[in-house]
Amino acid sequence: YFLLRNLSILEIGFNLVMCPKGWGPAAQDTTISFPGCATQMYFFFFFGVSECFLLATMAYDRYVAICNPLHYPVIMNQRTRAKLAVASWFPGFPVATVQTTWLFSFPFCGTNKVNHFFCDSPPVLRLVCADTALFEIYAIIGTILVVMIPCLLILCSYSHIAATILKIPSTKGKHKAFSTCSSHLLVVSVFYVSSGLTYFRPKANNSPESKKLLSLSYTVVTPMLNPLIYTLRN
């Protein structure tokens, strides 16, 4: 429950960044200040990156629980859990700081309309009137690393989990072991599928309207589903 509490706090923050300006009474006012846009983007990157690494940490927790159940209380003690939580939250700071500061240091000219329901990097980048080639290369490499490193850690954890489950002789034992990580596996799948479709689709198939819809799925729908998934599991 320690890591679940971290996930809950992270997703409350994620929703507070996205929702107040996009829905409810505040949605009637479709304007946002320049500093407000930069602040929203900063915390969007911070919470998004932190969630990727926190999901990887939770996968490691499930790996220890299933592959080393007798050693779990020793390996995942209070100090280790705190270190893993800090390690999950920390990557969000440098990524958000560099990307937001760099993007908002460019000159903006022409239209000031962001074609999105929040200040994400690609729609804001279209308003820049300068050469952004180097920034775009950095953004692509950064996104791939932020997504792929936690994803590989999750795959590594679950490959060991799958190998351990297959060695269990009884069907009941296999089912019990699988049910231990089913909630996390479902949350990871929803998060990575929706975010992957948003940022890694070919540009030819990536219209602004479809991107808005996909962004809505992982910024609002996924955080809404996660408490339901874990509550039903419990």
Protein backbone atom coordinates (compact mmCIF):
# COMPACT_ATOMS: atom_id res chain seq x y z
CA TYR A 1 0.00 0.00 0.00
CA PHE A 2 2.99 2.34 0.39
CA LEU A 3 3.57 2.41 -3.39
CA LEU A 4 -0.17 2.64 -4.04
CA ARG A 5 -0.29 5.74 -1.83
CA ASN A 6 2.50 7.25 -3.92
CA LEU A 7 0.56 6.44 -7.10
CA SER A 8 -2.58 8.02 -5.66
CA ILE A 9 -0.76 11.24 -4.66
CA LEU A 10 0.91 11.39 -8.07
CA GLU A 11 -2.37 10.99 -9.96
CA ILE A 12 -4.20 13.52 -7.77
CA GLY A 13 -1.45 16.00 -8.70
CA PHE A 14 -1.71 14.99 -12.38
CA ASN A 15 -5.46 15.64 -12.37
CA LEU A 16 -5.12 18.95 -10.52
CA VAL A 17 -2.76 20.13 -13.26
CA MET A 18 -5.06 19.02 -16.12
CA CYS A 19 -8.69 19.22 -15.01
CA PRO A 20 -9.41 22.61 -13.39
CA LYS A 21 -8.62 24.49 -16.62
CA GLY A 22 -10.18 21.94 -18.97
CA TRP A 23 -13.48 21.06 -17.29
CA GLY A 24 -16.08 22.54 -14.97
CA PRO A 25 -16.74 26.28 -14.52
CA ALA A 26 -13.13 27.17 -15.44
CA ALA A 27 -13.62 25.55 -18.87
CA GLN A 28 -15.79 28.52 -19.88
CA ASP A 29 -12.62 30.63 -19.91
CA THR A 30 -10.43 29.15 -22.65
CA THR A 31 -7.49 31.47 -22.00
CA ILE A 32 -4.33 30.71 -20.05
CA SER A 33 -1.48 33.07 -19.23
CA PHE A 34 2.04 32.53 -20.60
CA PRO A 35 3.48 31.67 -17.12
CA GLY A 36 0.37 29.53 -16.45
CA CYS A 37 0.97 27.54 -19.64
CA ALA A 38 4.64 27.00 -18.72
CA THR A 39 3.68 25.92 -15.19
CA GLN A 40 1.05 23.48 -16.47
CA MET A 41 3.53 21.96 -18.93
CA TYR A 42 6.22 21.66 -16.24
CA PHE A 43 3.99 19.70 -13.87
CA PHE A 44 2.54 17.64 -16.74
CA PHE A 45 6.06 16.44 -17.59
CA PHE A 46 6.99 16.00 -13.93
CA PHE A 47 4.00 13.83 -13.02
CA GLY A 48 4.04 11.93 -16.33
CA VAL A 49 7.73 10.96 -16.06
CA SER A 50 7.38 10.11 -12.36
CA GLU A 51 4.44 7.82 -13.10
CA CYS A 52 6.47 5.86 -15.68
CA PHE A 53 9.20 5.16 -13.12
CA LEU A 54 6.77 4.51 -10.27
CA LEU A 55 5.00 1.84 -12.35
CA ALA A 56 8.41 0.22 -12.91
CA THR A 57 9.09 0.32 -9.15
CA MET A 58 5.71 -1.32 -8.50
CA ALA A 59 6.63 -4.07 -11.01
CA TYR A 60 9.83 -4.73 -9.06
CA ASP A 61 7.75 -4.91 -5.87
CA ARG A 62 5.53 -7.59 -7.49
CA TYR A 63 8.65 -9.44 -8.70
CA VAL A 64 10.03 -9.64 -5.15
CA ALA A 65 6.60 -10.66 -3.75
CA ILE A 66 6.18 -13.56 -6.20
CA CYS A 67 9.76 -14.67 -6.90
CA ASN A 68 11.14 -14.19 -3.35
CA PRO A 69 8.08 -14.30 -1.07
CA LEU A 70 9.93 -15.42 2.08
CA HIS A 71 12.51 -12.64 1.72
CA TYR A 72 9.96 -9.95 0.82
CA PRO A 73 9.77 -8.28 4.29
CA VAL A 74 13.57 -8.09 4.41
CA ILE A 75 14.14 -6.89 0.83
CA MET A 76 11.22 -4.44 0.72
CA ASN A 77 11.74 -2.92 4.16
CA GLN A 78 10.69 0.63 5.02
CA ARG A 79 14.05 2.16 4.07
CA THR A 80 14.15 0.39 0.69
CA ARG A 81 10.59 1.44 -0.11
CA ALA A 82 11.42 5.07 0.70
CA LYS A 83 14.53 4.96 -1.54
CA LEU A 84 12.53 3.42 -4.40
CA ALA A 85 9.83 6.09 -4.03
CA VAL A 86 12.41 8.90 -4.14
CA ALA A 87 14.09 7.26 -7.16
CA SER A 88 10.69 7.14 -8.90
CA TRP A 89 9.79 10.77 -8.23
CA PHE A 90 13.22 12.29 -8.90
CA PRO A 91 13.54 11.80 -12.73
CA GLY A 92 10.53 14.05 -13.24
CA PHE A 93 12.44 17.13 -12.00
CA PRO A 94 15.35 17.28 -14.53
CA VAL A 95 13.18 16.21 -17.49
CA ALA A 96 10.45 18.77 -16.72
CA THR A 97 12.96 21.55 -15.96
CA VAL A 98 15.07 21.12 -19.11
CA GLN A 99 12.19 20.58 -21.53
CA THR A 100 9.94 23.37 -20.23
CA THR A 101 12.74 25.94 -19.79
CA TRP A 102 14.15 25.21 -23.25
CA LEU A 103 10.78 25.35 -25.01
CA PHE A 104 9.66 28.59 -23.37
CA SER A 105 13.01 30.28 -24.11
CA PHE A 106 12.09 30.29 -27.84
CA PRO A 107 10.48 33.39 -29.39
CA PHE A 108 6.72 33.09 -30.01
CA CYS A 109 4.97 35.02 -32.77
CA GLY A 110 1.78 34.96 -34.83
CA THR A 111 -1.20 33.14 -33.39
CA ASN A 112 -1.35 32.46 -29.66
CA LYS A 113 -3.95 29.69 -29.89
CA VAL A 114 -2.85 26.31 -28.51
CA ASN A 115 -4.80 23.64 -30.39
CA HIS A 116 -5.20 21.37 -27.38
CA PHE A 117 -7.07 21.22 -24.06
CA PHE A 118 -3.82 21.72 -22.11
CA CYS A 119 -0.29 23.00 -22.74
CA ASP A 120 1.46 19.95 -24.16
CA SER A 121 4.81 20.26 -25.92
CA PRO A 122 3.85 19.53 -29.60
CA PRO A 123 0.95 22.05 -29.90
CA VAL A 124 2.93 24.78 -28.09
CA LEU A 125 5.98 24.06 -30.28
CA ARG A 126 3.90 24.90 -33.38
CA LEU A 127 3.63 28.49 -32.14
CA VAL A 128 7.42 28.99 -32.05
CA CYS A 129 8.96 31.12 -34.83
CA ALA A 130 12.54 29.80 -34.66
CA ASP A 131 14.55 26.74 -35.64
CA THR A 132 13.46 23.98 -33.22
CA ALA A 133 15.22 21.03 -34.90
CA LEU A 134 17.66 20.44 -32.01
CA PHE A 135 14.88 20.69 -29.43
CA GLU A 136 12.71 18.22 -31.38
CA ILE A 137 15.60 15.71 -31.53
CA TYR A 138 16.10 16.08 -27.77
CA ALA A 139 12.35 15.73 -27.14
CA ILE A 140 12.11 12.54 -29.22
CA ILE A 141 15.18 10.95 -27.60
CA GLY A 142 14.01 12.04 -24.13
CA THR A 143 10.52 10.63 -24.67
CA ILE A 144 11.87 7.30 -25.94
CA LEU A 145 14.23 6.97 -22.95
CA VAL A 146 11.59 7.99 -20.40
CA VAL A 147 9.11 5.48 -21.84
CA MET A 148 11.48 2.65 -22.78
CA ILE A 149 13.68 2.43 -19.65
CA PRO A 150 10.73 1.86 -17.25
CA CYS A 151 9.01 -0.31 -19.87
CA LEU A 152 12.07 -2.58 -20.14
CA LEU A 153 12.30 -2.80 -16.34
CA ILE A 154 8.62 -3.79 -16.21
CA LEU A 155 9.08 -6.41 -18.96
CA CYS A 156 12.15 -7.80 -17.18
CA SER A 157 10.23 -8.07 -13.88
CA TYR A 158 7.24 -9.75 -15.50
CA SER A 159 9.37 -12.19 -17.51
CA HIS A 160 10.82 -13.44 -14.21
CA ILE A 161 7.33 -13.45 -12.65
CA ALA A 162 5.94 -15.49 -15.58
CA ALA A 163 8.80 -18.00 -15.33
CA THR A 164 8.16 -18.39 -11.59
CA ILE A 165 4.39 -18.80 -12.04
CA LEU A 166 4.88 -21.50 -14.69
CA LYS A 167 6.96 -23.52 -12.20
CA ILE A 168 4.12 -23.61 -9.67
CA PRO A 169 2.60 -27.13 -9.89
CA SER A 170 -1.02 -26.41 -8.87
CA THR A 171 -3.54 -24.43 -10.92
CA LYS A 172 -4.79 -22.75 -7.76
CA GLY A 173 -1.27 -21.63 -6.89
CA LYS A 174 -0.74 -20.21 -10.39
CA HIS A 175 -4.03 -18.33 -10.21
CA LYS A 176 -3.19 -16.89 -6.78
CA ALA A 177 0.26 -15.76 -7.93
CA PHE A 178 -1.13 -14.17 -11.11
CA SER A 179 -3.91 -12.37 -9.22
CA THR A 180 -1.22 -10.73 -7.05
CA CYS A 181 0.03 -8.71 -10.02
CA SER A 182 -3.10 -8.56 -12.23
CA SER A 183 -4.14 -5.07 -11.07
CA HIS A 184 -0.72 -3.59 -11.73
CA LEU A 185 -0.48 -5.32 -15.10
CA LEU A 186 -3.84 -3.87 -16.15
CA VAL A 187 -2.88 -0.34 -15.00
CA VAL A 188 0.47 -0.54 -16.84
CA SER A 189 -1.22 -1.78 -20.03
CA VAL A 190 -3.80 1.04 -20.05
CA PHE A 191 -1.17 3.71 -19.34
CA TYR A 192 1.41 2.58 -21.90
CA VAL A 193 -1.06 1.79 -24.69
CA SER A 194 -2.78 5.19 -24.42
CA SER A 195 0.44 7.23 -24.05
CA GLY A 196 2.18 5.18 -26.77
CA LEU A 197 -0.65 5.79 -29.24
CA THR A 198 -0.48 9.51 -28.43
CA TYR A 199 3.26 10.10 -28.90
CA PHE A 200 4.48 7.31 -31.19
CA ARG A 201 1.84 7.24 -33.94
CA PRO A 202 2.96 8.16 -37.50
CA LYS A 203 2.28 11.84 -38.26
CA ALA A 204 0.12 10.86 -41.25
CA ASN A 205 -2.36 9.15 -38.90
CA ASN A 206 -2.03 11.69 -36.10
CA SER A 207 -4.67 14.41 -36.52
CA PRO A 208 -4.98 17.08 -33.76
CA GLU A 209 -8.48 15.86 -32.87
CA SER A 210 -7.43 12.20 -32.47
CA LYS A 211 -4.43 13.27 -30.39
CA LYS A 212 -6.72 15.29 -28.10
CA LEU A 213 -8.92 12.23 -27.61
CA LEU A 214 -5.95 9.97 -26.84
CA SER A 215 -4.45 12.57 -24.48
CA LEU A 216 -7.77 12.66 -22.64
CA SER A 217 -7.54 8.88 -22.10
CA TYR A 218 -4.22 8.90 -20.21
CA THR A 219 -4.56 12.29 -18.48
CA VAL A 220 -8.09 11.83 -17.13
CA VAL A 221 -9.57 8.39 -17.88
CA THR A 222 -6.57 6.31 -16.74
CA PRO A 223 -6.21 8.07 -13.35
CA MET A 224 -9.97 7.66 -12.88
CA LEU A 225 -9.84 3.92 -13.64
CA ASN A 226 -6.84 3.11 -11.44
CA PRO A 227 -8.65 3.49 -8.08
CA LEU A 228 -11.51 1.36 -9.44
CA ILE A 229 -9.10 -1.35 -10.63
CA TYR A 230 -7.27 -1.57 -7.28
CA THR A 231 -10.47 -1.26 -5.20
CA LEU A 232 -12.19 -4.11 -7.09
CA ARG A 233 -9.01 -6.21 -6.75
CA ASN A 234 -8.94 -5.66 -2.99
